[in-house]
Amino acid sequence: MDSTTIYYLIAALLILVGLLGTVLPVLPGIPLMFAGMLLAAWAGSFQAIGAPALIVLAMLTLVSLAVDFWATAHGARRVGASRMAMWGAAIGTLVGLLFGLPGLLFGPFIGALAGELAHHRSLHPHRVGHATKVGAGTWVGLLLGTALKLALAFAMLGLFALAWWL
């Protein structure tokens, strides 16, 4: 097996792992996809994938990073989340990774809920209700961000394939 084939295999692996990373918060999904696409372009001496396509792919990668932060913050901000709730959602996401899919689904919610309750230092039913709303809003923001990142990932794959075969 020659080195070019090995580079293409590594590029394909990076793209597949990156695609998986768009739904798993522990992996930088779209940046990994871009790295794989850049490696494939380099392995092909930039003949099939040139600078214009790579610039657009890099811009989509930057957009995906902005979308990731925006969606979570927007979901939390819409329901009046405190800074501690936002930190709680981030920590809940990381801790949730240890518990597989249920942890990924419920970790951000529980973290935002705990952060909001800690911020107000109260278990009054009104505060618990508000904290639950904050947790749900943060969770919806994360889902929205994941959906947008998936859309960007598939747009990048389509652009890459189009540039490769044209």
Protein backbone atom coordinates (compact mmCIF):
# COMPACT_ATOMS: atom_id res chain seq x y z
CA MET A 1 0.00 0.00 0.00
CA ASP A 2 1.49 3.33 -1.02
CA SER A 3 1.57 6.44 1.15
CA THR A 4 -1.15 8.26 -0.82
CA THR A 5 -3.61 5.45 -0.12
CA ILE A 6 -2.71 5.57 3.57
CA TYR A 7 -3.33 9.34 3.61
CA TYR A 8 -6.72 8.84 1.96
CA LEU A 9 -7.64 6.17 4.50
CA ILE A 10 -6.65 8.44 7.40
CA ALA A 11 -8.63 11.29 5.80
CA ALA A 12 -11.70 9.07 5.48
CA LEU A 13 -11.33 7.98 9.10
CA LEU A 14 -11.08 11.61 10.25
CA ILE A 15 -14.20 12.49 8.27
CA LEU A 16 -16.17 9.56 9.71
CA VAL A 17 -15.05 10.26 13.28
CA GLY A 18 -15.84 13.93 12.72
CA LEU A 19 -19.33 13.08 11.51
CA LEU A 20 -19.83 11.05 14.67
CA GLY A 21 -18.47 13.99 16.64
CA THR A 22 -21.27 16.26 15.44
CA VAL A 23 -23.61 14.39 17.80
CA LEU A 24 -21.10 13.48 20.52
CA PRO A 25 -19.99 16.62 22.35
CA VAL A 26 -16.65 15.13 23.40
CA LEU A 27 -15.34 15.16 19.81
CA PRO A 28 -14.73 18.32 17.80
CA GLY A 29 -16.80 16.91 14.93
CA ILE A 30 -16.72 19.43 12.13
CA PRO A 31 -13.09 20.52 12.73
CA LEU A 32 -12.12 16.82 12.46
CA MET A 33 -14.11 16.53 9.24
CA PHE A 34 -12.33 19.59 7.86
CA ALA A 35 -8.96 18.14 8.85
CA GLY A 36 -9.82 14.94 6.96
CA MET A 37 -10.93 16.89 3.90
CA LEU A 38 -7.79 19.00 4.00
CA LEU A 39 -5.65 15.85 4.29
CA ALA A 40 -7.45 14.30 1.31
CA ALA A 41 -6.92 17.47 -0.72
CA TRP A 42 -3.24 17.50 0.22
CA ALA A 43 -2.85 13.77 -0.58
CA GLY A 44 -4.26 14.51 -4.04
CA SER A 45 -1.86 17.44 -4.50
CA PHE A 46 -4.85 19.81 -4.40
CA GLN A 47 -5.83 18.70 -7.90
CA ALA A 48 -9.40 17.58 -7.14
CA ILE A 49 -10.00 19.89 -4.19
CA GLY A 50 -8.55 23.35 -4.71
CA ALA A 51 -8.27 26.53 -2.69
CA PRO A 52 -11.81 27.84 -3.39
CA ALA A 53 -13.46 24.66 -2.07
CA LEU A 54 -11.12 24.54 0.94
CA ILE A 55 -11.86 28.17 1.79
CA VAL A 56 -15.61 27.50 1.72
CA LEU A 57 -15.11 24.35 3.83
CA ALA A 58 -13.01 26.33 6.33
CA MET A 59 -15.71 29.01 6.52
CA LEU A 60 -18.37 26.35 7.15
CA THR A 61 -16.16 24.95 9.91
CA LEU A 62 -15.95 28.37 11.57
CA VAL A 63 -19.72 28.79 11.20
CA SER A 64 -20.25 25.43 12.92
CA LEU A 65 -18.17 26.53 15.90
CA ALA A 66 -20.16 29.74 16.18
CA VAL A 67 -23.45 27.81 15.86
CA ASP A 68 -22.41 25.48 18.64
CA PHE A 69 -21.86 28.31 21.11
CA TRP A 70 -24.81 30.37 19.88
CA ALA A 71 -27.43 27.62 20.07
CA THR A 72 -26.63 26.65 23.64
CA ALA A 73 -26.40 30.24 24.83
CA HIS A 74 -29.55 31.21 22.94
CA GLY A 75 -31.58 28.36 24.41
CA ALA A 76 -30.42 29.22 27.90
CA ARG A 77 -30.76 32.98 27.48
CA ARG A 78 -34.32 32.73 26.15
CA VAL A 79 -35.44 31.26 29.45
CA GLY A 80 -33.38 33.57 31.66
CA ALA A 81 -30.52 31.26 32.62
CA SER A 82 -27.82 32.51 34.94
CA ARG A 83 -24.12 32.16 34.21
CA MET A 84 -24.00 29.30 36.75
CA ALA A 85 -26.72 27.48 34.81
CA MET A 86 -24.63 27.78 31.64
CA TRP A 87 -21.59 26.41 33.46
CA GLY A 88 -23.76 23.69 34.95
CA ALA A 89 -24.94 22.66 31.48
CA ALA A 90 -21.35 22.44 30.25
CA ILE A 91 -20.24 20.40 33.26
CA GLY A 92 -23.37 18.24 33.00
CA THR A 93 -22.53 17.51 29.39
CA LEU A 94 -19.00 16.42 30.28
CA VAL A 95 -20.12 14.29 33.22
CA GLY A 96 -22.95 12.90 31.12
CA LEU A 97 -20.39 11.44 28.71
CA LEU A 98 -19.45 8.96 31.41
CA PHE A 99 -22.99 7.56 31.38
CA GLY A 100 -23.41 6.97 27.66
CA LEU A 101 -26.50 8.03 25.74
CA PRO A 102 -28.69 8.68 28.82
CA GLY A 103 -25.95 10.89 30.22
CA LEU A 104 -25.67 12.80 26.94
CA LEU A 105 -29.41 13.38 26.92
CA PHE A 106 -29.93 14.27 30.57
CA GLY A 107 -26.51 15.61 31.66
CA PRO A 108 -26.92 19.12 30.20
CA PHE A 109 -30.45 19.41 31.62
CA ILE A 110 -29.43 18.26 35.11
CA GLY A 111 -26.33 20.47 35.05
CA ALA A 112 -28.28 23.58 34.03
CA LEU A 113 -30.94 22.80 36.63
CA ALA A 114 -28.32 22.39 39.38
CA GLY A 115 -26.47 25.53 38.28
CA GLU A 116 -29.63 27.60 38.34
CA LEU A 117 -30.62 26.28 41.77
CA ALA A 118 -27.11 26.98 43.08
CA HIS A 119 -27.27 30.50 41.66
CA HIS A 120 -30.46 31.33 43.55
CA ARG A 121 -29.56 29.25 46.62
CA SER A 122 -33.18 28.38 47.09
CA LEU A 123 -35.38 25.31 46.78
CA HIS A 124 -38.57 27.35 46.84
CA PRO A 125 -41.07 25.75 44.40
CA HIS A 126 -41.05 28.90 42.28
CA ARG A 127 -37.25 28.70 41.92
CA VAL A 128 -37.33 24.95 41.20
CA GLY A 129 -39.90 25.58 38.47
CA HIS A 130 -37.75 28.32 36.96
CA ALA A 131 -34.64 26.15 37.19
CA THR A 132 -36.48 23.33 35.42
CA LYS A 133 -37.45 25.76 32.67
CA VAL A 134 -33.81 26.86 32.39
CA GLY A 135 -32.65 23.25 32.18
CA ALA A 136 -35.17 22.49 29.46
CA GLY A 137 -34.27 25.63 27.50
CA THR A 138 -30.59 24.78 27.65
CA TRP A 139 -31.32 21.23 26.51
CA VAL A 140 -33.41 22.48 23.58
CA GLY A 141 -30.56 24.82 22.65
CA LEU A 142 -28.13 21.90 22.62
CA LEU A 143 -30.48 19.89 20.40
CA LEU A 144 -30.88 22.83 18.04
CA GLY A 145 -27.11 23.24 17.89
CA THR A 146 -26.65 19.55 17.12
CA ALA A 147 -29.23 19.68 14.34
CA LEU A 148 -27.56 22.74 12.81
CA LYS A 149 -24.11 21.13 13.08
CA LEU A 150 -25.42 18.00 11.35
CA ALA A 151 -26.83 20.13 8.54
CA LEU A 152 -23.47 21.90 8.17
CA ALA A 153 -21.62 18.57 8.25
CA PHE A 154 -23.73 17.17 5.42
CA ALA A 155 -23.37 20.42 3.47
CA MET A 156 -19.61 20.09 3.82
CA LEU A 157 -19.72 16.46 2.66
CA GLY A 158 -21.82 17.46 -0.34
CA LEU A 159 -19.51 20.34 -1.25
CA PHE A 160 -16.46 18.12 -0.85
CA ALA A 161 -17.96 15.38 -3.04
CA LEU A 162 -19.05 17.92 -5.66
CA ALA A 163 -15.60 19.51 -5.79
CA TRP A 164 -13.93 16.08 -5.92
CA TRP A 165 -15.91 14.80 -8.89
CA LEU A 166 -16.18 17.99 -10.94
